Amino acid sequence: MSRIVDRRLQRFEQEHNSNLKEHFGIIDTPHRSLNFDVALNDGIIFTICFKENIPMVNIKCLPMDIICKIASYLNCSLTIKTKIIYPAAYPFEPPQWSLVCVKHNIESRINLKEYYEYLVETHNNKYRLDWSPAIHIDIDILDFISKINHFDYLIECR
């Protein structure tokens, strides 16, 4: 990687090492949470975790451990892991995003892995055409998050 890319990645890590949620102003609700994990490893490994916890309902004739087991099947989780590779000519060439894996327990009519691969490719194609060196790493990540933020829709359509 070039020195420019290394410096930008180091600056990104120093500025946002505490919490990307605070930086982007994302607030969890009592039953839904969105978490991010960033790791620098020959680029950026960016992981997004969405969780929805259904409140437990006390059923009088069942023991609490069985109620907890039933409630655990109602909770939804979705983890999307991506890798961002920065070319040697960055910031004059856009980074390339790739989907590493998708893990979920959401029943869906669509294949979620193919869906998120499509969204990653759409993100790459957009920046291949409209890239600007003024787009910083955090803005690129926020743009990607806004493109994949269909979590409520996935939960409602299950």
N, C-alpha and C. Protein backbone atom coordinates (compact mmCIF):
# COMPACT_ATOMS: atom_id res chain seq x y z
N MET A 1 0.84 -1.18 0.00
CA MET A 1 0.00 0.00 0.00
C MET A 1 0.89 1.24 0.00
N SER A 2 0.38 2.28 -0.59
CA SER A 2 1.18 3.51 -0.65
C SER A 2 1.17 4.23 0.70
N ARG A 3 2.09 5.16 0.84
CA ARG A 3 2.16 5.91 2.10
C ARG A 3 0.92 6.76 2.31
N ILE A 4 0.35 7.30 1.22
CA ILE A 4 -0.87 8.12 1.34
C ILE A 4 -2.00 7.27 1.91
N VAL A 5 -2.16 6.06 1.37
CA VAL A 5 -3.22 5.17 1.86
C VAL A 5 -2.96 4.82 3.32
N ASP A 6 -1.72 4.48 3.64
CA ASP A 6 -1.38 4.15 5.03
C ASP A 6 -1.71 5.30 5.98
N ARG A 7 -1.36 6.51 5.59
CA ARG A 7 -1.64 7.67 6.46
C ARG A 7 -3.14 7.88 6.62
N ARG A 8 -3.89 7.75 5.53
CA ARG A 8 -5.34 7.94 5.64
C ARG A 8 -5.97 6.87 6.52
N LEU A 9 -5.53 5.63 6.37
CA LEU A 9 -6.07 4.56 7.21
C LEU A 9 -5.70 4.77 8.67
N GLN A 10 -4.48 5.20 8.94
CA GLN A 10 -4.07 5.47 10.32
C GLN A 10 -4.88 6.62 10.91
N ARG A 11 -5.10 7.67 10.12
CA ARG A 11 -5.89 8.80 10.60
C ARG A 11 -7.33 8.37 10.87
N PHE A 12 -7.89 7.55 9.97
CA PHE A 12 -9.24 7.05 10.16
C PHE A 12 -9.32 6.24 11.45
N GLU A 13 -8.33 5.38 11.69
CA GLU A 13 -8.33 4.56 12.90
C GLU A 13 -8.20 5.42 14.15
N GLN A 14 -7.38 6.45 14.12
CA GLN A 14 -7.21 7.32 15.28
C GLN A 14 -8.47 8.12 15.57
N GLU A 15 -9.10 8.65 14.52
CA GLU A 15 -10.28 9.50 14.71
C GLU A 15 -11.51 8.70 15.12
N HIS A 16 -11.64 7.47 14.63
CA HIS A 16 -12.88 6.71 14.84
C HIS A 16 -12.65 5.42 15.60
N ASN A 17 -11.55 5.35 16.32
CA ASN A 17 -11.25 4.15 17.08
C ASN A 17 -12.27 3.95 18.20
N SER A 18 -12.83 5.04 18.71
CA SER A 18 -13.76 4.92 19.83
C SER A 18 -15.06 4.25 19.40
N ASN A 19 -15.79 4.87 18.47
CA ASN A 19 -17.08 4.29 18.10
C ASN A 19 -17.62 4.96 16.85
N LEU A 20 -17.87 4.18 15.82
CA LEU A 20 -18.47 4.72 14.60
C LEU A 20 -19.93 5.10 14.81
N LYS A 21 -20.62 4.40 15.72
CA LYS A 21 -22.02 4.73 15.99
C LYS A 21 -22.16 6.17 16.48
N GLU A 22 -21.28 6.58 17.38
CA GLU A 22 -21.31 7.95 17.88
C GLU A 22 -20.98 8.93 16.76
N HIS A 23 -19.99 8.59 15.95
CA HIS A 23 -19.59 9.47 14.86
C HIS A 23 -20.74 9.69 13.87
N PHE A 24 -21.48 8.62 13.56
CA PHE A 24 -22.58 8.73 12.61
C PHE A 24 -23.90 9.13 13.26
N GLY A 25 -23.96 9.18 14.59
CA GLY A 25 -25.17 9.57 15.30
C GLY A 25 -26.25 8.50 15.27
N ILE A 26 -25.86 7.23 15.28
CA ILE A 26 -26.81 6.13 15.24
C ILE A 26 -27.18 5.76 16.67
N ILE A 27 -28.48 5.75 16.94
CA ILE A 27 -28.97 5.49 18.29
C ILE A 27 -29.76 4.18 18.28
N ASP A 28 -29.44 3.29 19.21
CA ASP A 28 -30.17 2.04 19.34
C ASP A 28 -31.50 2.28 20.05
N THR A 29 -32.45 1.40 19.77
CA THR A 29 -33.71 1.41 20.51
C THR A 29 -33.63 0.28 21.54
N PRO A 30 -34.59 0.21 22.46
CA PRO A 30 -34.51 -0.86 23.46
C PRO A 30 -34.49 -2.28 22.87
N HIS A 31 -35.08 -2.46 21.68
CA HIS A 31 -35.16 -3.81 21.11
C HIS A 31 -34.34 -4.00 19.84
N ARG A 32 -33.78 -2.93 19.29
CA ARG A 32 -33.00 -3.05 18.06
C ARG A 32 -31.65 -2.38 18.23
N SER A 33 -30.62 -3.04 17.72
CA SER A 33 -29.28 -2.46 17.81
C SER A 33 -28.53 -2.68 16.50
N LEU A 34 -27.66 -1.75 16.21
CA LEU A 34 -26.81 -1.79 15.03
C LEU A 34 -25.39 -1.52 15.49
N ASN A 35 -24.49 -2.47 15.27
CA ASN A 35 -23.11 -2.33 15.73
C ASN A 35 -22.14 -2.48 14.56
N PHE A 36 -21.01 -1.81 14.68
CA PHE A 36 -19.98 -1.85 13.65
C PHE A 36 -18.67 -2.28 14.27
N ASP A 37 -17.89 -2.99 13.48
CA ASP A 37 -16.54 -3.37 13.89
C ASP A 37 -15.62 -3.09 12.72
N VAL A 38 -14.52 -2.40 12.99
CA VAL A 38 -13.55 -2.05 11.96
C VAL A 38 -12.21 -2.64 12.36
N ALA A 39 -11.60 -3.38 11.44
CA ALA A 39 -10.26 -3.93 11.66
C ALA A 39 -9.40 -3.62 10.45
N LEU A 40 -8.20 -3.14 10.71
CA LEU A 40 -7.26 -2.86 9.62
C LEU A 40 -6.45 -4.12 9.35
N ASN A 41 -6.59 -4.65 8.13
CA ASN A 41 -5.87 -5.85 7.74
C ASN A 41 -5.74 -5.85 6.23
N ASP A 42 -4.67 -5.25 5.71
CA ASP A 42 -4.48 -5.11 4.27
C ASP A 42 -5.72 -4.45 3.64
N GLY A 43 -6.13 -3.36 4.22
CA GLY A 43 -7.37 -2.68 3.87
C GLY A 43 -8.20 -2.59 5.15
N ILE A 44 -9.50 -2.54 4.98
CA ILE A 44 -10.39 -2.46 6.14
C ILE A 44 -11.36 -3.63 6.09
N ILE A 45 -11.46 -4.37 7.18
CA ILE A 45 -12.51 -5.37 7.34
C ILE A 45 -13.61 -4.67 8.13
N PHE A 46 -14.77 -4.49 7.49
CA PHE A 46 -15.87 -3.73 8.08
C PHE A 46 -17.04 -4.69 8.31
N THR A 47 -17.45 -4.83 9.56
CA THR A 47 -18.52 -5.74 9.93
C THR A 47 -19.70 -4.95 10.49
N ILE A 48 -20.89 -5.28 10.00
CA ILE A 48 -22.12 -4.64 10.45
C ILE A 48 -22.99 -5.72 11.09
N CYS A 49 -23.44 -5.50 12.32
CA CYS A 49 -24.29 -6.45 13.03
C CYS A 49 -25.60 -5.77 13.40
N PHE A 50 -26.70 -6.32 12.91
CA PHE A 50 -28.03 -5.84 13.25
C PHE A 50 -28.70 -6.90 14.10
N LYS A 51 -29.30 -6.48 15.21
CA LYS A 51 -30.01 -7.42 16.09
C LYS A 51 -31.34 -6.82 16.51
N GLU A 52 -32.35 -7.65 16.50
CA GLU A 52 -33.65 -7.26 17.04
C GLU A 52 -34.03 -8.29 18.09
N ASN A 53 -34.28 -7.83 19.30
CA ASN A 53 -34.68 -8.70 20.40
C ASN A 53 -36.15 -8.49 20.69
N ILE A 54 -36.90 -9.56 20.56
CA ILE A 54 -38.33 -9.52 20.85
C ILE A 54 -38.50 -9.60 22.36
N PRO A 55 -39.31 -8.71 22.95
CA PRO A 55 -39.51 -8.79 24.40
C PRO A 55 -40.19 -10.11 24.79
N MET A 56 -39.74 -10.67 25.90
CA MET A 56 -40.32 -11.93 26.35
C MET A 56 -41.70 -11.69 26.96
N VAL A 57 -42.55 -12.66 26.74
CA VAL A 57 -43.89 -12.64 27.33
C VAL A 57 -43.95 -13.78 28.33
N ASN A 58 -44.40 -13.48 29.52
CA ASN A 58 -44.49 -14.50 30.56
C ASN A 58 -45.73 -15.35 30.33
N ILE A 59 -45.51 -16.62 30.09
CA ILE A 59 -46.61 -17.57 29.94
C ILE A 59 -46.69 -18.34 31.25
N LYS A 60 -47.80 -18.20 31.94
CA LYS A 60 -47.91 -18.68 33.32
C LYS A 60 -47.65 -20.17 33.49
N CYS A 61 -48.04 -20.99 32.55
CA CYS A 61 -47.92 -22.44 32.75
C CYS A 61 -46.57 -23.01 32.32
N LEU A 62 -45.66 -22.18 31.81
CA LEU A 62 -44.36 -22.68 31.37
C LEU A 62 -43.24 -22.20 32.29
N PRO A 63 -42.22 -23.02 32.48
CA PRO A 63 -41.07 -22.57 33.27
C PRO A 63 -40.29 -21.49 32.51
N MET A 64 -39.57 -20.68 33.27
CA MET A 64 -38.86 -19.53 32.69
C MET A 64 -37.79 -19.95 31.68
N ASP A 65 -37.10 -21.07 31.91
CA ASP A 65 -36.06 -21.49 30.96
C ASP A 65 -36.65 -21.86 29.60
N ILE A 66 -37.84 -22.41 29.59
CA ILE A 66 -38.50 -22.73 28.31
C ILE A 66 -38.98 -21.46 27.63
N ILE A 67 -39.48 -20.51 28.40
CA ILE A 67 -39.89 -19.22 27.83
C ILE A 67 -38.69 -18.53 27.19
N CYS A 68 -37.55 -18.56 27.85
CA CYS A 68 -36.33 -17.95 27.30
C CYS A 68 -35.90 -18.65 26.02
N LYS A 69 -36.01 -19.96 25.98
CA LYS A 69 -35.64 -20.72 24.79
C LYS A 69 -36.56 -20.36 23.62
N ILE A 70 -37.84 -20.26 23.87
CA ILE A 70 -38.80 -19.88 22.82
C ILE A 70 -38.50 -18.47 22.33
N ALA A 71 -38.24 -17.56 23.25
CA ALA A 71 -37.95 -16.16 22.87
C ALA A 71 -36.68 -16.06 22.04
N SER A 72 -35.71 -16.94 22.29
CA SER A 72 -34.45 -16.86 21.52
C SER A 72 -34.67 -17.16 20.04
N TYR A 73 -35.68 -17.95 19.70
CA TYR A 73 -35.98 -18.24 18.30
C TYR A 73 -36.66 -17.06 17.60
N LEU A 74 -37.24 -16.17 18.36
CA LEU A 74 -37.92 -15.02 17.77
C LEU A 74 -36.96 -13.88 17.47
N ASN A 75 -35.81 -13.85 18.13
CA ASN A 75 -34.85 -12.78 17.90
C ASN A 75 -34.22 -12.91 16.52
N CYS A 76 -33.95 -11.77 15.90
CA CYS A 76 -33.35 -11.74 14.57
C CYS A 76 -31.94 -11.17 14.65
N SER A 77 -31.07 -11.74 13.85
CA SER A 77 -29.72 -11.18 13.76
C SER A 77 -29.23 -11.29 12.32
N LEU A 78 -28.44 -10.30 11.94
CA LEU A 78 -27.87 -10.24 10.60
C LEU A 78 -26.47 -9.66 10.73
N THR A 79 -25.48 -10.37 10.24
CA THR A 79 -24.10 -9.90 10.26
C THR A 79 -23.58 -9.88 8.84
N ILE A 80 -23.09 -8.71 8.43
CA ILE A 80 -22.54 -8.52 7.09
C ILE A 80 -21.07 -8.13 7.26
N LYS A 81 -20.19 -8.94 6.70
CA LYS A 81 -18.76 -8.66 6.78
C LYS A 81 -18.25 -8.32 5.38
N THR A 82 -17.61 -7.15 5.27
CA THR A 82 -17.07 -6.70 3.99
C THR A 82 -15.59 -6.40 4.12
N LYS A 83 -14.93 -6.32 2.99
CA LYS A 83 -13.52 -5.93 2.96
C LYS A 83 -13.38 -4.78 1.98
N ILE A 84 -12.66 -3.75 2.41
CA ILE A 84 -12.43 -2.57 1.57
C ILE A 84 -10.94 -2.55 1.23
N ILE A 85 -10.64 -2.64 -0.05
CA ILE A 85 -9.25 -2.61 -0.53
C ILE A 85 -8.99 -1.25 -1.17
N TYR A 86 -7.91 -0.63 -0.75
CA TYR A 86 -7.54 0.68 -1.29
C TYR A 86 -6.42 0.52 -2.30
N PRO A 87 -6.64 0.98 -3.55
CA PRO A 87 -5.59 0.86 -4.58
C PRO A 87 -4.41 1.78 -4.28
N ALA A 88 -3.31 1.53 -4.95
CA ALA A 88 -2.11 2.34 -4.74
C ALA A 88 -2.35 3.80 -5.13
N ALA A 89 -3.25 4.04 -6.08
CA ALA A 89 -3.53 5.41 -6.53
C ALA A 89 -4.60 6.11 -5.69
N TYR A 90 -5.06 5.48 -4.60
CA TYR A 90 -6.04 6.13 -3.74
C TYR A 90 -5.43 7.41 -3.17
N PRO A 91 -6.08 8.51 -3.12
CA PRO A 91 -7.51 8.80 -3.24
C PRO A 91 -7.97 9.15 -4.65
N PHE A 92 -7.12 8.96 -5.65
CA PHE A 92 -7.51 9.31 -7.01
C PHE A 92 -8.25 8.18 -7.71
N GLU A 93 -8.25 7.00 -7.13
CA GLU A 93 -9.05 5.87 -7.59
C GLU A 93 -9.89 5.39 -6.41
N PRO A 94 -11.12 4.92 -6.68
CA PRO A 94 -11.99 4.52 -5.57
C PRO A 94 -11.55 3.20 -4.94
N PRO A 95 -11.90 3.00 -3.68
CA PRO A 95 -11.65 1.70 -3.05
C PRO A 95 -12.59 0.65 -3.63
N GLN A 96 -12.20 -0.60 -3.50
CA GLN A 96 -13.04 -1.71 -3.96
C GLN A 96 -13.60 -2.44 -2.75
N TRP A 97 -14.91 -2.53 -2.69
CA TRP A 97 -15.57 -3.26 -1.63
C TRP A 97 -15.82 -4.69 -2.11
N SER A 98 -15.75 -5.63 -1.19
CA SER A 98 -16.13 -7.01 -1.49
C SER A 98 -16.85 -7.60 -0.28
N LEU A 99 -17.77 -8.48 -0.56
CA LEU A 99 -18.54 -9.13 0.50
C LEU A 99 -17.77 -10.36 0.96
N VAL A 100 -17.48 -10.43 2.25
CA VAL A 100 -16.77 -11.58 2.80
C VAL A 100 -17.77 -12.66 3.19
N CYS A 101 -18.78 -12.29 3.98
CA CYS A 101 -19.81 -13.26 4.36
C CYS A 101 -21.05 -12.55 4.88
N VAL A 102 -22.15 -13.29 4.85
CA VAL A 102 -23.42 -12.85 5.42
C VAL A 102 -23.93 -13.98 6.30
N LYS A 103 -24.18 -13.67 7.57
CA LYS A 103 -24.75 -14.65 8.49
C LYS A 103 -26.05 -14.07 9.02
N HIS A 104 -27.09 -14.90 9.05
CA HIS A 104 -28.39 -14.40 9.53
C HIS A 104 -29.26 -15.57 9.96
N ASN A 105 -30.28 -15.24 10.71
CA ASN A 105 -31.31 -16.21 11.06
C ASN A 105 -32.68 -15.68 10.63
N ILE A 106 -32.70 -14.90 9.57
CA ILE A 106 -33.93 -14.30 9.06
C ILE A 106 -34.44 -15.14 7.90
N GLU A 107 -35.68 -15.57 8.00
CA GLU A 107 -36.28 -16.26 6.86
C GLU A 107 -36.70 -15.20 5.86
N SER A 108 -36.24 -15.37 4.64
CA SER A 108 -36.53 -14.38 3.62
C SER A 108 -36.83 -15.08 2.30
N ARG A 109 -37.64 -14.43 1.48
CA ARG A 109 -37.96 -14.97 0.16
C ARG A 109 -36.80 -14.80 -0.81
N ILE A 110 -35.89 -13.89 -0.49
CA ILE A 110 -34.74 -13.66 -1.36
C ILE A 110 -33.48 -14.23 -0.71
N ASN A 111 -32.50 -14.53 -1.53
CA ASN A 111 -31.21 -14.99 -1.04
C ASN A 111 -30.44 -13.76 -0.56
N LEU A 112 -30.26 -13.63 0.75
CA LEU A 112 -29.64 -12.42 1.30
C LEU A 112 -28.18 -12.27 0.90
N LYS A 113 -27.47 -13.36 0.72
CA LYS A 113 -26.07 -13.27 0.28
C LYS A 113 -26.01 -12.65 -1.12
N GLU A 114 -26.84 -13.14 -2.03
CA GLU A 114 -26.87 -12.57 -3.39
C GLU A 114 -27.33 -11.12 -3.36
N TYR A 115 -28.28 -10.80 -2.51
CA TYR A 115 -28.79 -9.44 -2.40
C TYR A 115 -27.68 -8.47 -1.96
N TYR A 116 -26.93 -8.84 -0.93
CA TYR A 116 -25.86 -7.96 -0.45
C TYR A 116 -24.67 -7.94 -1.41
N GLU A 117 -24.43 -9.03 -2.14
CA GLU A 117 -23.41 -8.99 -3.20
C GLU A 117 -23.80 -7.97 -4.26
N TYR A 118 -25.08 -7.95 -4.61
CA TYR A 118 -25.58 -6.98 -5.58
C TYR A 118 -25.39 -5.55 -5.07
N LEU A 119 -25.70 -5.30 -3.80
CA LEU A 119 -25.55 -3.96 -3.24
C LEU A 119 -24.08 -3.53 -3.19
N VAL A 120 -23.18 -4.45 -2.89
CA VAL A 120 -21.74 -4.13 -2.89
C VAL A 120 -21.29 -3.79 -4.30
N GLU A 121 -21.72 -4.58 -5.28
CA GLU A 121 -21.35 -4.31 -6.67
C GLU A 121 -21.92 -2.98 -7.15
N THR A 122 -23.15 -2.67 -6.75
CA THR A 122 -23.75 -1.38 -7.10
C THR A 122 -22.95 -0.23 -6.50
N HIS A 123 -22.52 -0.38 -5.26
CA HIS A 123 -21.70 0.64 -4.60
C HIS A 123 -20.39 0.83 -5.36
N ASN A 124 -19.74 -0.27 -5.73
CA ASN A 124 -18.48 -0.18 -6.49
C ASN A 124 -18.69 0.49 -7.84
N ASN A 125 -19.76 0.12 -8.54
CA ASN A 125 -20.03 0.69 -9.86
C ASN A 125 -20.31 2.19 -9.79
N LYS A 126 -21.03 2.61 -8.76
CA LYS A 126 -21.33 4.03 -8.61
C LYS A 126 -20.04 4.83 -8.46
N TYR A 127 -19.16 4.36 -7.59
CA TYR A 127 -17.92 5.10 -7.36
C TYR A 127 -16.91 4.93 -8.49
N ARG A 128 -17.03 3.86 -9.27
CA ARG A 128 -16.17 3.72 -10.43
C ARG A 128 -16.45 4.85 -11.42
N LEU A 129 -17.72 5.28 -11.47
CA LEU A 129 -18.12 6.35 -12.39
C LEU A 129 -18.02 7.74 -11.78
N ASP A 130 -18.35 7.88 -10.50
CA ASP A 130 -18.48 9.20 -9.87
C ASP A 130 -17.54 9.40 -8.69
N TRP A 131 -16.34 8.89 -8.74
CA TRP A 131 -15.43 9.00 -7.61
C TRP A 131 -14.81 10.39 -7.55
N SER A 132 -14.60 10.88 -6.32
CA SER A 132 -13.90 12.14 -6.08
C SER A 132 -12.87 11.92 -4.98
N PRO A 133 -11.66 12.46 -5.14
CA PRO A 133 -10.66 12.33 -4.07
C PRO A 133 -11.08 12.99 -2.76
N ALA A 134 -12.12 13.82 -2.81
CA ALA A 134 -12.59 14.49 -1.59
C ALA A 134 -13.43 13.58 -0.70
N ILE A 135 -13.79 12.40 -1.19
CA ILE A 135 -14.59 11.46 -0.40
C ILE A 135 -13.66 10.74 0.57
N HIS A 136 -13.87 10.98 1.86
CA HIS A 136 -13.03 10.36 2.88
C HIS A 136 -13.56 8.96 3.22
N ILE A 137 -12.76 8.22 3.94
CA ILE A 137 -13.10 6.84 4.28
C ILE A 137 -14.42 6.76 5.05
N ASP A 138 -14.61 7.64 6.04
CA ASP A 138 -15.84 7.57 6.84
C ASP A 138 -17.07 7.92 6.01
N ILE A 139 -16.95 8.81 5.04
CA ILE A 139 -18.09 9.17 4.18
C ILE A 139 -18.44 7.99 3.27
N ASP A 140 -17.43 7.30 2.76
CA ASP A 140 -17.65 6.12 1.94
C ASP A 140 -18.38 5.04 2.74
N ILE A 141 -17.96 4.83 3.98
CA ILE A 141 -18.60 3.83 4.84
C ILE A 141 -20.04 4.23 5.14
N LEU A 142 -20.28 5.50 5.45
CA LEU A 142 -21.63 5.97 5.73
C LEU A 142 -22.53 5.81 4.51
N ASP A 143 -22.01 6.08 3.32
CA ASP A 143 -22.78 5.90 2.09
C ASP A 143 -23.16 4.43 1.92
N PHE A 144 -22.23 3.53 2.20
CA PHE A 144 -22.52 2.11 2.10
C PHE A 144 -23.59 1.68 3.11
N ILE A 145 -23.47 2.17 4.34
CA ILE A 145 -24.47 1.83 5.37
C ILE A 145 -25.86 2.30 4.93
N SER A 146 -25.94 3.49 4.37
CA SER A 146 -27.24 4.00 3.94
C SER A 146 -27.82 3.16 2.81
N LYS A 147 -26.97 2.55 1.98
CA LYS A 147 -27.46 1.71 0.88
C LYS A 147 -27.98 0.37 1.37
N ILE A 148 -27.40 -0.16 2.43
CA ILE A 148 -27.82 -1.49 2.89
C ILE A 148 -28.81 -1.44 4.04
N ASN A 149 -29.19 -0.25 4.48
CA ASN A 149 -30.06 -0.13 5.65
C ASN A 149 -31.52 -0.42 5.29
N HIS A 150 -31.78 -1.70 5.03
CA HIS A 150 -33.15 -2.17 4.79
C HIS A 150 -33.53 -3.19 5.85
N PHE A 151 -32.93 -3.06 7.02
CA PHE A 151 -33.10 -4.07 8.06
C PHE A 151 -34.55 -4.15 8.54
N ASP A 152 -35.19 -3.01 8.73
CA ASP A 152 -36.58 -3.02 9.19
C ASP A 152 -37.48 -3.74 8.18
N TYR A 153 -37.25 -3.50 6.91
CA TYR A 153 -38.04 -4.15 5.86
C TYR A 153 -37.85 -5.67 5.90
N LEU A 154 -36.61 -6.12 6.07
CA LEU A 154 -36.35 -7.56 6.13
C LEU A 154 -37.07 -8.21 7.31
N ILE A 155 -37.10 -7.51 8.44
CA ILE A 155 -37.75 -8.04 9.64
C ILE A 155 -39.27 -8.10 9.44
N GLU A 156 -39.84 -7.06 8.84
CA GLU A 156 -41.29 -7.01 8.65
C GLU A 156 -41.78 -8.03 7.63
N CYS A 157 -40.97 -8.36 6.64
CA CYS A 157 -41.40 -9.26 5.56
C CYS A 157 -41.14 -10.73 5.83
N ARG A 158 -40.65 -11.05 7.01
CA ARG A 158 -40.36 -12.47 7.26
C ARG A 158 -41.61 -13.24 7.59
